[in-house]
Amino acid sequence: MTSAPRAAVVRPARPEDAPAIAAIAAATFPDASPASLPRAAVEAHIALHLSEAAVAAWIADPERIVLVGAAADAPETLLGYAMYETAAAPEAPVTERLGDVPAGHLSKLYVLAEGRGTGLAEALVHDGVERLRR
């Protein structure tokens, strides 16, 4: 028997969230990596690109939107994150399709196993798209 989905809460990441986001990234990135990729390569990517310092830089970057999410009944326990990248000057394929308008995209979306099936990923996407629209 599965438990009923819990309501999810989403908010912008704060600098003090960097360790928790890095821990989520380290725990979930292997799930998104091809099985054929050597474990050492996955670990090297995590150490270089998903460290606390890297996450802190994302949060501080004005061209990124970093959101965190949790269950509404335990908002202090982060279960996932999303990162959207915006661009003051969109790349040529974007401007060819959309014209000269601000654009952004979802770069990362990861949810810990215990947060899957709760609606958290959907909430992170919905909130992020709304922020991109604004």
C-alpha atoms as a PDB file:
ATOM      1  CA  MET A   1       0.000   0.000   0.000  1.00  0.00           C
ATOM      2  CA  THR A   2       1.376   3.418  -0.921  1.00  0.00           C
ATOM      3  CA  SER A   3       0.974   6.470   1.230  1.00  0.00           C
ATOM      4  CA  ALA A   4      -1.098   9.429   0.094  1.00  0.00           C
ATOM      5  CA  PRO A   5       0.865  12.177  -1.658  1.00  0.00           C
ATOM      6  CA  ARG A   6       1.919  15.017   0.617  1.00  0.00           C
ATOM      7  CA  ALA A   7       1.591  18.627  -0.417  1.00  0.00           C
ATOM      8  CA  ALA A   8       4.855  20.121  -1.602  1.00  0.00           C
ATOM      9  CA  VAL A   9       6.275  23.544  -0.856  1.00  0.00           C
ATOM     10  CA  VAL A  10       8.740  25.333  -3.116  1.00  0.00           C
ATOM     11  CA  ARG A  11      10.824  28.415  -2.439  1.00  0.00           C
ATOM     12  CA  PRO A  12      13.907  30.144  -3.846  1.00  0.00           C
ATOM     13  CA  ALA A  13      17.162  28.673  -2.615  1.00  0.00           C
ATOM     14  CA  ARG A  14      19.134  30.637  -0.044  1.00  0.00           C
ATOM     15  CA  PRO A  15      22.917  30.567   0.406  1.00  0.00           C
ATOM     16  CA  GLU A  16      22.562  28.392   3.499  1.00  0.00           C
ATOM     17  CA  ASP A  17      20.803  25.743   1.347  1.00  0.00           C
ATOM     18  CA  ALA A  18      23.985  25.008  -0.633  1.00  0.00           C
ATOM     19  CA  PRO A  19      25.080  22.034   1.515  1.00  0.00           C
ATOM     20  CA  ALA A  20      21.641  20.388   1.340  1.00  0.00           C
ATOM     21  CA  ILE A  21      21.357  20.966  -2.420  1.00  0.00           C
ATOM     22  CA  ALA A  22      24.859  19.551  -2.965  1.00  0.00           C
ATOM     23  CA  ALA A  23      23.896  16.493  -0.917  1.00  0.00           C
ATOM     24  CA  ILE A  24      20.723  16.009  -2.990  1.00  0.00           C
ATOM     25  CA  ALA A  25      22.777  16.418  -6.183  1.00  0.00           C
ATOM     26  CA  ALA A  26      25.337  13.851  -5.016  1.00  0.00           C
ATOM     27  CA  ALA A  27      22.595  11.382  -4.068  1.00  0.00           C
ATOM     28  CA  THR A  28      20.532  11.755  -7.249  1.00  0.00           C
ATOM     29  CA  PHE A  29      23.022  12.444 -10.047  1.00  0.00           C
ATOM     30  CA  PRO A  30      24.073   8.777 -10.273  1.00  0.00           C
ATOM     31  CA  ASP A  31      20.423   7.908 -11.083  1.00  0.00           C
ATOM     32  CA  ALA A  32      20.608  10.173 -14.142  1.00  0.00           C
ATOM     33  CA  SER A  33      23.970   8.900 -15.326  1.00  0.00           C
ATOM     34  CA  PRO A  34      24.232   6.172 -17.961  1.00  0.00           C
ATOM     35  CA  ALA A  35      24.876   2.772 -16.400  1.00  0.00           C
ATOM     36  CA  SER A  36      27.871   2.380 -18.705  1.00  0.00           C
ATOM     37  CA  LEU A  37      29.579   5.456 -17.235  1.00  0.00           C
ATOM     38  CA  PRO A  38      32.320   4.425 -14.811  1.00  0.00           C
ATOM     39  CA  ARG A  39      31.535   5.224 -11.181  1.00  0.00           C
ATOM     40  CA  ALA A  40      34.794   7.189 -10.960  1.00  0.00           C
ATOM     41  CA  ALA A  41      33.601   9.501 -13.753  1.00  0.00           C
ATOM     42  CA  VAL A  42      30.284  10.072 -11.981  1.00  0.00           C
ATOM     43  CA  GLU A  43      32.063  10.842  -8.724  1.00  0.00           C
ATOM     44  CA  ALA A  44      34.463  13.217 -10.486  1.00  0.00           C
ATOM     45  CA  HIS A  45      31.534  15.088 -12.057  1.00  0.00           C
ATOM     46  CA  ILE A  46      29.821  15.376  -8.673  1.00  0.00           C
ATOM     47  CA  ALA A  47      33.000  16.667  -7.018  1.00  0.00           C
ATOM     48  CA  LEU A  48      33.665  19.238  -9.739  1.00  0.00           C
ATOM     49  CA  HIS A  49      30.206  20.413 -10.801  1.00  0.00           C
ATOM     50  CA  LEU A  50      27.855  19.629  -7.903  1.00  0.00           C
ATOM     51  CA  SER A  51      29.920  20.650  -4.880  1.00  0.00           C
ATOM     52  CA  GLU A  52      28.735  23.079  -2.198  1.00  0.00           C
ATOM     53  CA  ALA A  53      30.893  25.783  -3.832  1.00  0.00           C
ATOM     54  CA  ALA A  54      29.355  25.130  -7.252  1.00  0.00           C
ATOM     55  CA  VAL A  55      25.841  25.212  -5.807  1.00  0.00           C
ATOM     56  CA  ALA A  56      26.590  28.419  -3.886  1.00  0.00           C
ATOM     57  CA  ALA A  57      27.716  29.983  -7.181  1.00  0.00           C
ATOM     58  CA  TRP A  58      24.433  28.946  -8.850  1.00  0.00           C
ATOM     59  CA  ILE A  59      22.428  30.539  -6.048  1.00  0.00           C
ATOM     60  CA  ALA A  60      24.440  33.777  -6.286  1.00  0.00           C
ATOM     61  CA  ASP A  61      24.197  33.976 -10.096  1.00  0.00           C
ATOM     62  CA  PRO A  62      21.510  36.480 -11.185  1.00  0.00           C
ATOM     63  CA  GLU A  63      21.055  34.570 -14.466  1.00  0.00           C
ATOM     64  CA  ARG A  64      19.955  31.436 -12.608  1.00  0.00           C
ATOM     65  CA  ILE A  65      16.828  30.615 -10.661  1.00  0.00           C
ATOM     66  CA  VAL A  66      17.459  27.921  -8.060  1.00  0.00           C
ATOM     67  CA  LEU A  67      14.435  26.528  -6.261  1.00  0.00           C
ATOM     68  CA  VAL A  68      14.219  24.019  -3.439  1.00  0.00           C
ATOM     69  CA  GLY A  69      11.298  21.911  -2.382  1.00  0.00           C
ATOM     70  CA  ALA A  70      10.092  19.944   0.580  1.00  0.00           C
ATOM     71  CA  ALA A  71       6.966  18.318   1.915  1.00  0.00           C
ATOM     72  CA  ALA A  72       4.570  20.864   3.414  1.00  0.00           C
ATOM     73  CA  ASP A  73       4.573  18.987   6.723  1.00  0.00           C
ATOM     74  CA  ALA A  74       8.401  19.141   6.925  1.00  0.00           C
ATOM     75  CA  PRO A  75       9.484  22.273   5.031  1.00  0.00           C
ATOM     76  CA  GLU A  76      12.908  22.358   6.698  1.00  0.00           C
ATOM     77  CA  THR A  77      13.889  19.009   5.140  1.00  0.00           C
ATOM     78  CA  LEU A  78      14.771  19.634   1.507  1.00  0.00           C
ATOM     79  CA  LEU A  79      13.858  16.795  -0.819  1.00  0.00           C
ATOM     80  CA  GLY A  80      14.631  18.283  -4.213  1.00  0.00           C
ATOM     81  CA  TYR A  81      15.810  21.211  -6.265  1.00  0.00           C
ATOM     82  CA  ALA A  82      15.508  22.717  -9.704  1.00  0.00           C
ATOM     83  CA  MET A  83      17.720  25.165 -11.525  1.00  0.00           C
ATOM     84  CA  TYR A  84      16.591  27.348 -14.396  1.00  0.00           C
ATOM     85  CA  GLU A  85      19.016  29.292 -16.523  1.00  0.00           C
ATOM     86  CA  THR A  86      18.064  32.611 -18.017  1.00  0.00           C
ATOM     87  CA  ALA A  87      19.943  34.580 -20.617  1.00  0.00           C
ATOM     88  CA  ALA A  88      20.110  38.295 -21.148  1.00  0.00           C
ATOM     89  CA  ALA A  89      21.122  37.552 -24.749  1.00  0.00           C
ATOM     90  CA  PRO A  90      19.530  34.289 -25.952  1.00  0.00           C
ATOM     91  CA  GLU A  91      21.482  32.038 -28.293  1.00  0.00           C
ATOM     92  CA  ALA A  92      20.870  32.252 -32.052  1.00  0.00           C
ATOM     93  CA  PRO A  93      18.581  29.174 -32.323  1.00  0.00           C
ATOM     94  CA  VAL A  94      16.333  30.705 -29.650  1.00  0.00           C
ATOM     95  CA  THR A  95      16.110  34.113 -31.289  1.00  0.00           C
ATOM     96  CA  GLU A  96      15.473  32.488 -34.681  1.00  0.00           C
ATOM     97  CA  ARG A  97      12.464  30.726 -33.214  1.00  0.00           C
ATOM     98  CA  LEU A  98      11.151  33.213 -30.636  1.00  0.00           C
ATOM     99  CA  GLY A  99      12.528  36.524 -31.778  1.00  0.00           C
ATOM    100  CA  ASP A 100      14.534  38.826 -29.562  1.00  0.00           C
ATOM    101  CA  VAL A 101      12.859  38.029 -26.241  1.00  0.00           C
ATOM    102  CA  PRO A 102      14.279  37.011 -22.888  1.00  0.00           C
ATOM    103  CA  ALA A 103      14.446  33.240 -22.617  1.00  0.00           C
ATOM    104  CA  GLY A 104      15.304  30.594 -20.097  1.00  0.00           C
ATOM    105  CA  HIS A 105      15.260  26.842 -19.643  1.00  0.00           C
ATOM    106  CA  LEU A 106      15.180  24.117 -17.033  1.00  0.00           C
ATOM    107  CA  SER A 107      18.746  22.954 -16.464  1.00  0.00           C
ATOM    108  CA  LYS A 108      18.424  20.591 -13.505  1.00  0.00           C
ATOM    109  CA  LEU A 109      15.590  18.893 -11.626  1.00  0.00           C
ATOM    110  CA  TYR A 110      16.353  16.296  -8.997  1.00  0.00           C
ATOM    111  CA  VAL A 111      14.218  14.828  -6.214  1.00  0.00           C
ATOM    112  CA  LEU A 112      15.361  12.361  -3.562  1.00  0.00           C
ATOM    113  CA  ALA A 113      13.675   8.946  -3.602  1.00  0.00           C
ATOM    114  CA  GLU A 114      11.544   9.803  -0.565  1.00  0.00           C
ATOM    115  CA  GLY A 115      10.179  12.866  -2.383  1.00  0.00           C
ATOM    116  CA  ARG A 116       9.237  11.058  -5.579  1.00  0.00           C
ATOM    117  CA  GLY A 117       5.534  10.575  -6.186  1.00  0.00           C
ATOM    118  CA  THR A 118       4.623  13.460  -3.882  1.00  0.00           C
ATOM    119  CA  GLY A 119       4.068  16.122  -6.530  1.00  0.00           C
ATOM    120  CA  LEU A 120       7.308  17.874  -5.630  1.00  0.00           C
ATOM    121  CA  ALA A 121       8.817  17.667  -9.129  1.00  0.00           C
ATOM    122  CA  GLU A 122       5.619  19.078 -10.617  1.00  0.00           C
ATOM    123  CA  ALA A 123       5.647  21.917  -8.086  1.00  0.00           C
ATOM    124  CA  LEU A 124       9.299  22.724  -8.873  1.00  0.00           C
ATOM    125  CA  VAL A 125       8.502  22.862 -12.590  1.00  0.00           C
ATOM    126  CA  HIS A 126       5.320  24.907 -12.160  1.00  0.00           C
ATOM    127  CA  ASP A 127       6.985  27.455  -9.879  1.00  0.00           C
ATOM    128  CA  GLY A 128      10.054  27.696 -12.095  1.00  0.00           C
ATOM    129  CA  VAL A 129       8.050  28.264 -15.277  1.00  0.00           C
ATOM    130  CA  GLU A 130       6.031  30.978 -13.547  1.00  0.00           C
ATOM    131  CA  ARG A 131       9.253  32.680 -12.447  1.00  0.00           C
ATOM    132  CA  LEU A 132      10.633  32.470 -15.998  1.00  0.00           C
ATOM    133  CA  ARG A 133       7.459  34.056 -17.342  1.00  0.00           C
ATOM    134  CA  ARG A 134       7.871  36.985 -14.947  1.00  0.00           C
END
